[in-house]
Amino acid sequence: MKKILITGKNSYIGSNCKKWLECYQDMYEVEEIDTKNEEWKKKDYSNYDTILHVAGIAHVSSDPKLEDLYYKVNRDLAIEIAKKAKKDGVKQFIFMSSMIIYGKDEPIGREKIITSETVPNSEDFYGKSKLDADMAIQELEDEKFKVVMVRTPMVYGPGCKGNFPKLKKLAKMPIFPNIENNRSMIYIDNLCEFFKQVIDNQDRGIFYPQNRDYISTKQIIKIMAETMNKKIHFTKIFNPIIKVLSKKMPIINKVFGSKVYSKEISGDFSYIVVENDESIRRSV
């Protein structure tokens, strides 16, 4: 029986992971703890085998007023909790890092392929705050304290927030740009199974979990439209304009740009329990 503590109560990823692990009642005892107050500081971590740290601000903002908050939550809080976990004798610490640490999306027509040799280079305070925590927590590792960095691409699933639900609105449009691109993403059930395997194996190191296959925005929209019984026509008529605008408007590259992890760095995909098409349908 492994005892797991999830720091980040009621978070999307944390709550789903808790439900996933609790399906194996004879294998795991799982608790969540709130990090929005001082409760986590008073907790004794010594009884836990693994801490899964998922607390954080998960979405990009360019509002300079929020910069200090991003560093306080995504960097400082994560490092403090990791240090406490090590001090209390926890064996394994899993940190939810992010693909965002590798910087912005490439313009339409160019593909960004991230390998284990790619050097992180974030350009906004969301990415920098995650990267700072990622690097600092790695330095805490020793023989008795195993550290796991999970640099996820976009995480999606039923009830998720962020950019993915916005695509559902676009899927209701009668026409949509016919642009080919590739994205690395991971469905929530696949991520939860990945966490389970990392805990079971008592792994350490840097990991890049993703769905087995890349997916295009066009494919996502097509499946969403079909699931909602909406007719949608894909056209290339707007492509030249969109490509020009993408050089000045980063939001366009987040929708139509290509950014992937090399498949060689994502393991054997034994954690994939739901394939791309079905995962999109379930999410809708």
C-alpha atoms as a PDB file:
ATOM      1  CA  MET A   1       0.000   0.000   0.000  1.00  0.00           C
ATOM      2  CA  LYS A   2       1.629   3.243  -1.195  1.00  0.00           C
ATOM      3  CA  LYS A   3       0.656   6.512   0.452  1.00  0.00           C
ATOM      4  CA  ILE A   4       0.356   9.439  -1.963  1.00  0.00           C
ATOM      5  CA  LEU A   5      -0.107  13.115  -1.120  1.00  0.00           C
ATOM      6  CA  ILE A   6      -1.331  15.446  -3.862  1.00  0.00           C
ATOM      7  CA  THR A   7      -0.473  19.081  -3.205  1.00  0.00           C
ATOM      8  CA  GLY A   8      -3.076  21.196  -4.966  1.00  0.00           C
ATOM      9  CA  LYS A   9      -6.532  20.272  -3.700  1.00  0.00           C
ATOM     10  CA  ASN A  10      -9.371  20.273  -6.234  1.00  0.00           C
ATOM     11  CA  SER A  11      -7.028  20.908  -9.154  1.00  0.00           C
ATOM     12  CA  TYR A  12      -8.074  19.368 -12.466  1.00  0.00           C
ATOM     13  CA  ILE A  13      -5.070  17.078 -12.780  1.00  0.00           C
ATOM     14  CA  GLY A  14      -4.814  16.297  -9.076  1.00  0.00           C
ATOM     15  CA  SER A  15      -8.473  15.377  -8.642  1.00  0.00           C
ATOM     16  CA  ASN A  16      -8.457  13.165 -11.730  1.00  0.00           C
ATOM     17  CA  CYS A  17      -5.274  11.445 -10.608  1.00  0.00           C
ATOM     18  CA  LYS A  18      -6.794  10.811  -7.181  1.00  0.00           C
ATOM     19  CA  LYS A  19      -9.845   9.157  -8.761  1.00  0.00           C
ATOM     20  CA  TRP A  20      -7.609   7.106 -11.039  1.00  0.00           C
ATOM     21  CA  LEU A  21      -5.430   5.753  -8.243  1.00  0.00           C
ATOM     22  CA  GLU A  22      -8.416   5.093  -5.999  1.00  0.00           C
ATOM     23  CA  CYS A  23      -9.655   2.573  -8.548  1.00  0.00           C
ATOM     24  CA  TYR A  24      -6.878   0.408  -7.095  1.00  0.00           C
ATOM     25  CA  GLN A  25      -8.027   0.531  -3.477  1.00  0.00           C
ATOM     26  CA  ASP A  26      -5.657  -2.169  -2.269  1.00  0.00           C
ATOM     27  CA  MET A  27      -2.605  -0.426  -3.775  1.00  0.00           C
ATOM     28  CA  TYR A  28      -2.846   3.269  -2.914  1.00  0.00           C
ATOM     29  CA  GLU A  29      -3.994   5.567  -0.168  1.00  0.00           C
ATOM     30  CA  VAL A  30      -4.386   9.044  -1.642  1.00  0.00           C
ATOM     31  CA  GLU A  31      -4.902  12.416   0.015  1.00  0.00           C
ATOM     32  CA  GLU A  32      -5.123  15.952  -1.312  1.00  0.00           C
ATOM     33  CA  ILE A  33      -3.995  19.054   0.541  1.00  0.00           C
ATOM     34  CA  ASP A  34      -4.769  22.717  -0.094  1.00  0.00           C
ATOM     35  CA  THR A  35      -1.792  24.982  -0.823  1.00  0.00           C
ATOM     36  CA  LYS A  36      -3.734  28.252  -0.897  1.00  0.00           C
ATOM     37  CA  ASN A  37      -3.291  28.647   2.861  1.00  0.00           C
ATOM     38  CA  GLU A  38      -0.770  27.551   5.495  1.00  0.00           C
ATOM     39  CA  GLU A  39      -2.224  24.038   5.863  1.00  0.00           C
ATOM     40  CA  TRP A  40       0.552  22.398   3.838  1.00  0.00           C
ATOM     41  CA  LYS A  41       3.233  23.784   6.182  1.00  0.00           C
ATOM     42  CA  LYS A  42       1.682  22.094   9.226  1.00  0.00           C
ATOM     43  CA  LYS A  43       1.337  18.699   7.566  1.00  0.00           C
ATOM     44  CA  ASP A  44       3.712  15.874   8.470  1.00  0.00           C
ATOM     45  CA  TYR A  45       4.915  14.388   5.167  1.00  0.00           C
ATOM     46  CA  SER A  46       6.967  11.587   6.697  1.00  0.00           C
ATOM     47  CA  ASN A  47       4.211   8.978   6.238  1.00  0.00           C
ATOM     48  CA  TYR A  48       4.013   9.457   2.457  1.00  0.00           C
ATOM     49  CA  ASP A  49       5.916   7.504  -0.172  1.00  0.00           C
ATOM     50  CA  THR A  50       5.259  10.010  -2.954  1.00  0.00           C
ATOM     51  CA  ILE A  51       4.195  13.631  -3.218  1.00  0.00           C
ATOM     52  CA  LEU A  52       2.597  14.709  -6.488  1.00  0.00           C
ATOM     53  CA  HIS A  53       2.843  18.487  -6.738  1.00  0.00           C
ATOM     54  CA  VAL A  54       0.260  19.847  -9.165  1.00  0.00           C
ATOM     55  CA  ALA A  55      -0.566  23.191  -7.539  1.00  0.00           C
ATOM     56  CA  GLY A  56       0.149  26.159  -9.775  1.00  0.00           C
ATOM     57  CA  ILE A  57      -1.186  28.765 -12.145  1.00  0.00           C
ATOM     58  CA  ALA A  58      -1.692  26.751 -15.283  1.00  0.00           C
ATOM     59  CA  HIS A  59      -2.388  29.272 -18.024  1.00  0.00           C
ATOM     60  CA  VAL A  60      -0.400  31.973 -19.763  1.00  0.00           C
ATOM     61  CA  SER A  61      -1.034  35.632 -19.008  1.00  0.00           C
ATOM     62  CA  SER A  62       0.761  38.696 -20.320  1.00  0.00           C
ATOM     63  CA  ASP A  63      -0.582  40.959 -17.563  1.00  0.00           C
ATOM     64  CA  PRO A  64       2.536  42.360 -15.833  1.00  0.00           C
ATOM     65  CA  LYS A  65       0.525  42.784 -12.611  1.00  0.00           C
ATOM     66  CA  LEU A  66       0.421  38.996 -12.307  1.00  0.00           C
ATOM     67  CA  GLU A  67       4.147  38.385 -12.720  1.00  0.00           C
ATOM     68  CA  ASP A  68       4.917  38.311  -8.981  1.00  0.00           C
ATOM     69  CA  LEU A  69       2.014  35.921  -8.362  1.00  0.00           C
ATOM     70  CA  TYR A  70       3.271  33.507 -11.019  1.00  0.00           C
ATOM     71  CA  TYR A  71       6.711  33.363  -9.415  1.00  0.00           C
ATOM     72  CA  LYS A  72       5.229  33.076  -5.926  1.00  0.00           C
ATOM     73  CA  VAL A  73       2.983  30.137  -6.835  1.00  0.00           C
ATOM     74  CA  ASN A  74       4.732  28.333  -9.689  1.00  0.00           C
ATOM     75  CA  ARG A  75       8.282  28.718  -8.417  1.00  0.00           C
ATOM     76  CA  ASP A  76       8.563  29.631  -4.731  1.00  0.00           C
ATOM     77  CA  LEU A  77       5.699  27.469  -3.436  1.00  0.00           C
ATOM     78  CA  ALA A  78       6.852  24.432  -5.424  1.00  0.00           C
ATOM     79  CA  ILE A  79      10.434  24.718  -4.157  1.00  0.00           C
ATOM     80  CA  GLU A  80       9.308  25.187  -0.547  1.00  0.00           C
ATOM     81  CA  ILE A  81       7.093  22.108  -0.680  1.00  0.00           C
ATOM     82  CA  ALA A  82       9.850  20.042  -2.284  1.00  0.00           C
ATOM     83  CA  LYS A  83      12.301  21.092   0.416  1.00  0.00           C
ATOM     84  CA  LYS A  84       9.813  20.169   3.135  1.00  0.00           C
ATOM     85  CA  ALA A  85       9.173  16.809   1.456  1.00  0.00           C
ATOM     86  CA  LYS A  86      12.899  16.058   1.440  1.00  0.00           C
ATOM     87  CA  LYS A  87      13.332  17.182   5.043  1.00  0.00           C
ATOM     88  CA  ASP A  88      10.405  14.995   6.163  1.00  0.00           C
ATOM     89  CA  GLY A  89      11.852  11.924   4.448  1.00  0.00           C
ATOM     90  CA  VAL A  90       9.542  11.501   1.457  1.00  0.00           C
ATOM     91  CA  LYS A  91      11.040   9.020  -1.020  1.00  0.00           C
ATOM     92  CA  GLN A  92       9.735  10.477  -4.293  1.00  0.00           C
ATOM     93  CA  PHE A  93       8.670  13.970  -5.402  1.00  0.00           C
ATOM     94  CA  ILE A  94       6.824  14.416  -8.700  1.00  0.00           C
ATOM     95  CA  PHE A  95       6.683  17.946 -10.099  1.00  0.00           C
ATOM     96  CA  MET A  96       4.245  19.018 -12.788  1.00  0.00           C
ATOM     97  CA  SER A  97       6.527  20.954 -15.093  1.00  0.00           C
ATOM     98  CA  SER A  98       5.431  22.007 -18.570  1.00  0.00           C
ATOM     99  CA  MET A  99       6.292  22.065 -22.246  1.00  0.00           C
ATOM    100  CA  ILE A 100       5.991  25.851 -21.961  1.00  0.00           C
ATOM    101  CA  ILE A 101       9.578  25.970 -20.662  1.00  0.00           C
ATOM    102  CA  TYR A 102      10.731  25.422 -24.261  1.00  0.00           C
ATOM    103  CA  GLY A 103       9.376  28.759 -25.406  1.00  0.00           C
ATOM    104  CA  LYS A 104       6.845  29.973 -27.899  1.00  0.00           C
ATOM    105  CA  ASP A 105       5.256  28.133 -30.795  1.00  0.00           C
ATOM    106  CA  GLU A 106       6.829  28.271 -34.237  1.00  0.00           C
ATOM    107  CA  PRO A 107       5.106  30.259 -37.026  1.00  0.00           C
ATOM    108  CA  ILE A 108       2.794  28.411 -39.387  1.00  0.00           C
ATOM    109  CA  GLY A 109       4.737  26.234 -41.792  1.00  0.00           C
ATOM    110  CA  ARG A 110       7.619  25.520 -39.410  1.00  0.00           C
ATOM    111  CA  GLU A 111       7.742  22.626 -36.973  1.00  0.00           C
ATOM    112  CA  LYS A 112       9.278  22.793 -33.506  1.00  0.00           C
ATOM    113  CA  ILE A 113      10.550  19.354 -32.488  1.00  0.00           C
ATOM    114  CA  ILE A 114      11.792  19.097 -28.920  1.00  0.00           C
ATOM    115  CA  THR A 115      14.287  16.372 -28.023  1.00  0.00           C
ATOM    116  CA  SER A 116      16.123  15.491 -24.820  1.00  0.00           C
ATOM    117  CA  GLU A 117      18.957  17.705 -26.085  1.00  0.00           C
ATOM    118  CA  THR A 118      16.761  20.793 -26.555  1.00  0.00           C
ATOM    119  CA  VAL A 119      17.713  23.531 -24.105  1.00  0.00           C
ATOM    120  CA  PRO A 120      14.732  25.154 -22.330  1.00  0.00           C
ATOM    121  CA  ASN A 121      14.344  28.790 -23.281  1.00  0.00           C
ATOM    122  CA  SER A 122      11.184  30.426 -22.014  1.00  0.00           C
ATOM    123  CA  GLU A 123      10.249  33.956 -22.980  1.00  0.00           C
ATOM    124  CA  ASP A 124       7.356  34.767 -20.624  1.00  0.00           C
ATOM    125  CA  PHE A 125       7.013  34.777 -16.846  1.00  0.00           C
ATOM    126  CA  TYR A 126       4.712  31.756 -16.856  1.00  0.00           C
ATOM    127  CA  GLY A 127       7.345  29.648 -18.584  1.00  0.00           C
ATOM    128  CA  LYS A 128      10.205  31.149 -16.606  1.00  0.00           C
ATOM    129  CA  SER A 129       8.479  30.519 -13.273  1.00  0.00           C
ATOM    130  CA  LYS A 130       7.937  26.851 -14.202  1.00  0.00           C
ATOM    131  CA  LEU A 131      11.496  26.493 -15.470  1.00  0.00           C
ATOM    132  CA  ASP A 132      13.000  28.036 -12.338  1.00  0.00           C
ATOM    133  CA  ALA A 133      11.106  25.540 -10.180  1.00  0.00           C
ATOM    134  CA  ASP A 134      11.971  22.649 -12.500  1.00  0.00           C
ATOM    135  CA  MET A 135      15.704  23.335 -12.286  1.00  0.00           C
ATOM    136  CA  ALA A 136      15.790  24.164  -8.564  1.00  0.00           C
ATOM    137  CA  ILE A 137      13.894  21.031  -7.514  1.00  0.00           C
ATOM    138  CA  GLN A 138      16.203  18.832  -9.581  1.00  0.00           C
ATOM    139  CA  GLU A 139      19.094  20.094  -7.455  1.00  0.00           C
ATOM    140  CA  LEU A 140      17.421  18.683  -4.321  1.00  0.00           C
ATOM    141  CA  GLU A 141      17.725  15.104  -5.545  1.00  0.00           C
ATOM    142  CA  ASP A 142      19.949  12.617  -3.770  1.00  0.00           C
ATOM    143  CA  GLU A 143      20.019   8.858  -3.189  1.00  0.00           C
ATOM    144  CA  LYS A 144      17.120   8.979  -0.746  1.00  0.00           C
ATOM    145  CA  PHE A 145      15.049  11.664  -2.458  1.00  0.00           C
ATOM    146  CA  LYS A 146      13.935  10.806  -5.978  1.00  0.00           C
ATOM    147  CA  VAL A 147      12.841  13.753  -8.102  1.00  0.00           C
ATOM    148  CA  VAL A 148      10.589  13.441 -11.165  1.00  0.00           C
ATOM    149  CA  MET A 149      10.072  16.276 -13.653  1.00  0.00           C
ATOM    150  CA  VAL A 150       6.971  15.748 -15.808  1.00  0.00           C
ATOM    151  CA  ARG A 151       7.130  18.220 -18.686  1.00  0.00           C
ATOM    152  CA  THR A 152       3.640  17.784 -20.075  1.00  0.00           C
ATOM    153  CA  PRO A 153       2.273  19.247 -23.291  1.00  0.00           C
ATOM    154  CA  MET A 154      -1.354  20.459 -23.256  1.00  0.00           C
ATOM    155  CA  VAL A 155      -3.449  18.333 -20.895  1.00  0.00           C
ATOM    156  CA  TYR A 156      -7.108  17.943 -21.867  1.00  0.00           C
ATOM    157  CA  GLY A 157     -10.171  15.937 -21.024  1.00  0.00           C
ATOM    158  CA  PRO A 158     -13.796  16.267 -19.895  1.00  0.00           C
ATOM    159  CA  GLY A 159     -14.287  19.436 -17.875  1.00  0.00           C
ATOM    160  CA  CYS A 160     -10.813  20.817 -18.520  1.00  0.00           C
ATOM    161  CA  LYS A 161     -10.085  24.531 -18.698  1.00  0.00           C
ATOM    162  CA  GLY A 162      -7.701  26.569 -20.798  1.00  0.00           C
ATOM    163  CA  ASN A 163      -7.345  26.599 -24.581  1.00  0.00           C
ATOM    164  CA  PHE A 164      -8.889  23.222 -25.352  1.00  0.00           C
ATOM    165  CA  PRO A 165     -12.522  24.160 -24.521  1.00  0.00           C
ATOM    166  CA  LYS A 166     -12.136  27.217 -26.773  1.00  0.00           C
ATOM    167  CA  LEU A 167     -11.658  24.872 -29.728  1.00  0.00           C
ATOM    168  CA  LYS A 168     -15.138  23.484 -29.062  1.00  0.00           C
ATOM    169  CA  LYS A 169     -16.568  26.909 -29.863  1.00  0.00           C
ATOM    170  CA  LEU A 170     -14.581  27.035 -33.092  1.00  0.00           C
ATOM    171  CA  ALA A 171     -15.929  23.604 -34.045  1.00  0.00           C
ATOM    172  CA  LYS A 172     -19.425  25.122 -34.215  1.00  0.00           C
ATOM    173  CA  MET A 173     -18.390  27.459 -37.041  1.00  0.00           C
ATOM    174  CA  PRO A 174     -19.583  26.578 -40.571  1.00  0.00           C
ATOM    175  CA  ILE A 175     -16.087  26.981 -42.061  1.00  0.00           C
ATOM    176  CA  PHE A 176     -12.577  26.522 -40.683  1.00  0.00           C
ATOM    177  CA  PRO A 177      -9.077  27.050 -42.121  1.00  0.00           C
ATOM    178  CA  ASN A 178      -7.547  23.963 -43.717  1.00  0.00           C
ATOM    179  CA  ILE A 179      -4.054  24.193 -42.232  1.00  0.00           C
ATOM    180  CA  GLU A 180      -1.919  21.149 -41.498  1.00  0.00           C
ATOM    181  CA  ASN A 181       0.057  21.180 -38.269  1.00  0.00           C
ATOM    182  CA  ASN A 182       1.216  18.817 -35.515  1.00  0.00           C
ATOM    183  CA  ARG A 183       0.808  19.115 -31.771  1.00  0.00           C
ATOM    184  CA  SER A 184       1.885  17.001 -28.821  1.00  0.00           C
ATOM    185  CA  MET A 185      -0.941  16.680 -26.298  1.00  0.00           C
ATOM    186  CA  ILE A 186      -1.908  14.274 -23.545  1.00  0.00           C
ATOM    187  CA  TYR A 187      -5.357  13.084 -22.527  1.00  0.00           C
ATOM    188  CA  ILE A 188      -6.036  13.203 -18.789  1.00  0.00           C
ATOM    189  CA  ASP A 189      -6.521   9.414 -18.404  1.00  0.00           C
ATOM    190  CA  ASN A 190      -3.225   8.773 -20.179  1.00  0.00           C
ATOM    191  CA  LEU A 191      -1.480  11.219 -17.858  1.00  0.00           C
ATOM    192  CA  CYS A 192      -3.029   9.615 -14.769  1.00  0.00           C
ATOM    193  CA  GLU A 193      -1.854   6.171 -15.904  1.00  0.00           C
ATOM    194  CA  PHE A 194       1.586   7.658 -16.522  1.00  0.00           C
ATOM    195  CA  PHE A 195       1.699   8.936 -12.932  1.00  0.00           C
ATOM    196  CA  LYS A 196       0.628   5.517 -11.687  1.00  0.00           C
ATOM    197  CA  GLN A 197       3.501   3.833 -13.518  1.00  0.00           C
ATOM    198  CA  VAL A 198       6.047   6.388 -12.292  1.00  0.00           C
ATOM    199  CA  ILE A 199       4.878   5.799  -8.715  1.00  0.00           C
ATOM    200  CA  ASP A 200       4.853   2.010  -9.121  1.00  0.00           C
ATOM    201  CA  ASN A 201       8.386   2.013 -10.544  1.00  0.00           C
ATOM    202  CA  GLN A 202       9.626   4.637  -8.080  1.00  0.00           C
ATOM    203  CA  ASP A 203      11.200   6.406 -11.052  1.00  0.00           C
ATOM    204  CA  ARG A 204      13.387   9.479 -11.074  1.00  0.00           C
ATOM    205  CA  GLY A 205      14.413  11.824 -13.873  1.00  0.00           C
ATOM    206  CA  ILE A 206      12.858  14.007 -16.574  1.00  0.00           C
ATOM    207  CA  PHE A 207       9.834  12.698 -18.491  1.00  0.00           C
ATOM    208  CA  TYR A 208       7.928  13.877 -21.553  1.00  0.00           C
ATOM    209  CA  PRO A 209       4.596  12.005 -21.634  1.00  0.00           C
ATOM    210  CA  GLN A 210       2.328  12.539 -24.630  1.00  0.00           C
ATOM    211  CA  ASN A 211      -0.348  10.732 -26.593  1.00  0.00           C
ATOM    212  CA  ARG A 212       0.932   8.055 -28.922  1.00  0.00           C
ATOM    213  CA  ASP A 213       0.262  10.138 -32.049  1.00  0.00           C
ATOM    214  CA  TYR A 214       0.554  13.831 -32.831  1.00  0.00           C
ATOM    215  CA  ILE A 215      -2.674  15.598 -33.685  1.00  0.00           C
ATOM    216  CA  SER A 216      -3.570  18.601 -35.833  1.00  0.00           C
ATOM    217  CA  THR A 217      -5.950  21.395 -34.937  1.00  0.00           C
ATOM    218  CA  LYS A 218      -7.933  20.501 -38.042  1.00  0.00           C
ATOM    219  CA  GLN A 219      -8.324  16.911 -36.814  1.00  0.00           C
ATOM    220  CA  ILE A 220      -9.480  18.087 -33.386  1.00  0.00           C
ATOM    221  CA  ILE A 221     -12.055  20.442 -34.901  1.00  0.00           C
ATOM    222  CA  LYS A 222     -13.288  17.760 -37.308  1.00  0.00           C
ATOM    223  CA  ILE A 223     -13.851  15.209 -34.514  1.00  0.00           C
ATOM    224  CA  MET A 224     -15.486  17.811 -32.292  1.00  0.00           C
ATOM    225  CA  ALA A 225     -17.862  18.892 -35.053  1.00  0.00           C
ATOM    226  CA  GLU A 226     -18.818  15.297 -35.847  1.00  0.00           C
ATOM    227  CA  THR A 227     -19.415  14.545 -32.161  1.00  0.00           C
ATOM    228  CA  MET A 228     -21.703  17.574 -31.849  1.00  0.00           C
ATOM    229  CA  ASN A 229     -23.455  16.740 -35.143  1.00  0.00           C
ATOM    230  CA  LYS A 230     -22.246  19.991 -36.698  1.00  0.00           C
ATOM    231  CA  LYS A 231     -21.371  20.376 -40.358  1.00  0.00           C
ATOM    232  CA  ILE A 232     -18.100  22.131 -41.012  1.00  0.00           C
ATOM    233  CA  HIS A 233     -16.274  22.939 -44.250  1.00  0.00           C
ATOM    234  CA  PHE A 234     -12.486  23.215 -44.339  1.00  0.00           C
ATOM    235  CA  THR A 235     -11.029  25.743 -46.754  1.00  0.00           C
ATOM    236  CA  LYS A 236      -7.558  27.009 -47.687  1.00  0.00           C
ATOM    237  CA  ILE A 237      -8.849  30.354 -48.908  1.00  0.00           C
ATOM    238  CA  PHE A 238      -7.827  32.132 -45.698  1.00  0.00           C
ATOM    239  CA  ASN A 239      -4.419  30.443 -45.375  1.00  0.00           C
ATOM    240  CA  PRO A 240      -2.263  33.216 -46.944  1.00  0.00           C
ATOM    241  CA  ILE A 241      -3.805  35.863 -44.684  1.00  0.00           C
ATOM    242  CA  ILE A 242      -3.477  33.690 -41.582  1.00  0.00           C
ATOM    243  CA  LYS A 243       0.196  32.980 -42.328  1.00  0.00           C
ATOM    244  CA  VAL A 244       0.932  36.707 -42.609  1.00  0.00           C
ATOM    245  CA  LEU A 245      -0.942  37.511 -39.394  1.00  0.00           C
ATOM    246  CA  SER A 246       0.817  34.676 -37.552  1.00  0.00           C
ATOM    247  CA  LYS A 247       4.098  36.608 -37.731  1.00  0.00           C
ATOM    248  CA  LYS A 248       2.580  39.395 -35.640  1.00  0.00           C
ATOM    249  CA  MET A 249      -0.057  37.579 -33.575  1.00  0.00           C
ATOM    250  CA  PRO A 250       1.327  34.741 -31.391  1.00  0.00           C
ATOM    251  CA  ILE A 251      -2.206  33.535 -30.564  1.00  0.00           C
ATOM    252  CA  ILE A 252      -2.563  32.317 -34.158  1.00  0.00           C
ATOM    253  CA  ASN A 253       0.518  30.118 -33.770  1.00  0.00           C
ATOM    254  CA  LYS A 254      -0.954  28.607 -30.602  1.00  0.00           C
ATOM    255  CA  VAL A 255      -3.886  27.454 -32.722  1.00  0.00           C
ATOM    256  CA  PHE A 256      -2.203  26.559 -36.008  1.00  0.00           C
ATOM    257  CA  GLY A 257       1.503  26.240 -35.181  1.00  0.00           C
ATOM    258  CA  SER A 258       3.432  22.983 -34.741  1.00  0.00           C
ATOM    259  CA  LYS A 259       5.148  22.070 -31.484  1.00  0.00           C
ATOM    260  CA  VAL A 260       5.933  18.463 -30.617  1.00  0.00           C
ATOM    261  CA  TYR A 261       8.075  16.230 -28.481  1.00  0.00           C
ATOM    262  CA  SER A 262      10.174  13.736 -30.373  1.00  0.00           C
ATOM    263  CA  LYS A 263       8.476  10.374 -29.827  1.00  0.00           C
ATOM    264  CA  GLU A 264      11.785   8.812 -28.829  1.00  0.00           C
ATOM    265  CA  ILE A 265      11.777  10.690 -25.525  1.00  0.00           C
ATOM    266  CA  SER A 266       8.259   9.729 -24.454  1.00  0.00           C
ATOM    267  CA  GLY A 267       8.862   6.131 -23.424  1.00  0.00           C
ATOM    268  CA  ASP A 268       7.111   3.020 -24.663  1.00  0.00           C
ATOM    269  CA  PHE A 269       3.619   4.558 -24.529  1.00  0.00           C
ATOM    270  CA  SER A 270       2.465   1.773 -22.210  1.00  0.00           C
ATOM    271  CA  TYR A 271       0.546   4.479 -20.333  1.00  0.00           C
ATOM    272  CA  ILE A 272      -1.751   5.151 -23.294  1.00  0.00           C
ATOM    273  CA  VAL A 273      -5.216   3.891 -22.391  1.00  0.00           C
ATOM    274  CA  VAL A 274      -7.226   6.088 -24.777  1.00  0.00           C
ATOM    275  CA  GLU A 275      -6.181   6.936 -28.342  1.00  0.00           C
ATOM    276  CA  ASN A 276      -6.499  10.378 -29.965  1.00  0.00           C
ATOM    277  CA  ASP A 277      -9.870  10.225 -31.725  1.00  0.00           C
ATOM    278  CA  GLU A 278     -11.689   8.629 -28.820  1.00  0.00           C
ATOM    279  CA  SER A 279     -10.092  11.037 -26.334  1.00  0.00           C
ATOM    280  CA  ILE A 280     -11.427  14.046 -28.281  1.00  0.00           C
ATOM    281  CA  ARG A 281     -14.913  12.544 -28.400  1.00  0.00           C
ATOM    282  CA  ARG A 282     -14.863  11.884 -24.657  1.00  0.00           C
ATOM    283  CA  SER A 283     -13.678  15.423 -23.985  1.00  0.00           C
ATOM    284  CA  VAL A 284     -16.532  16.918 -25.998  1.00  0.00           C
END
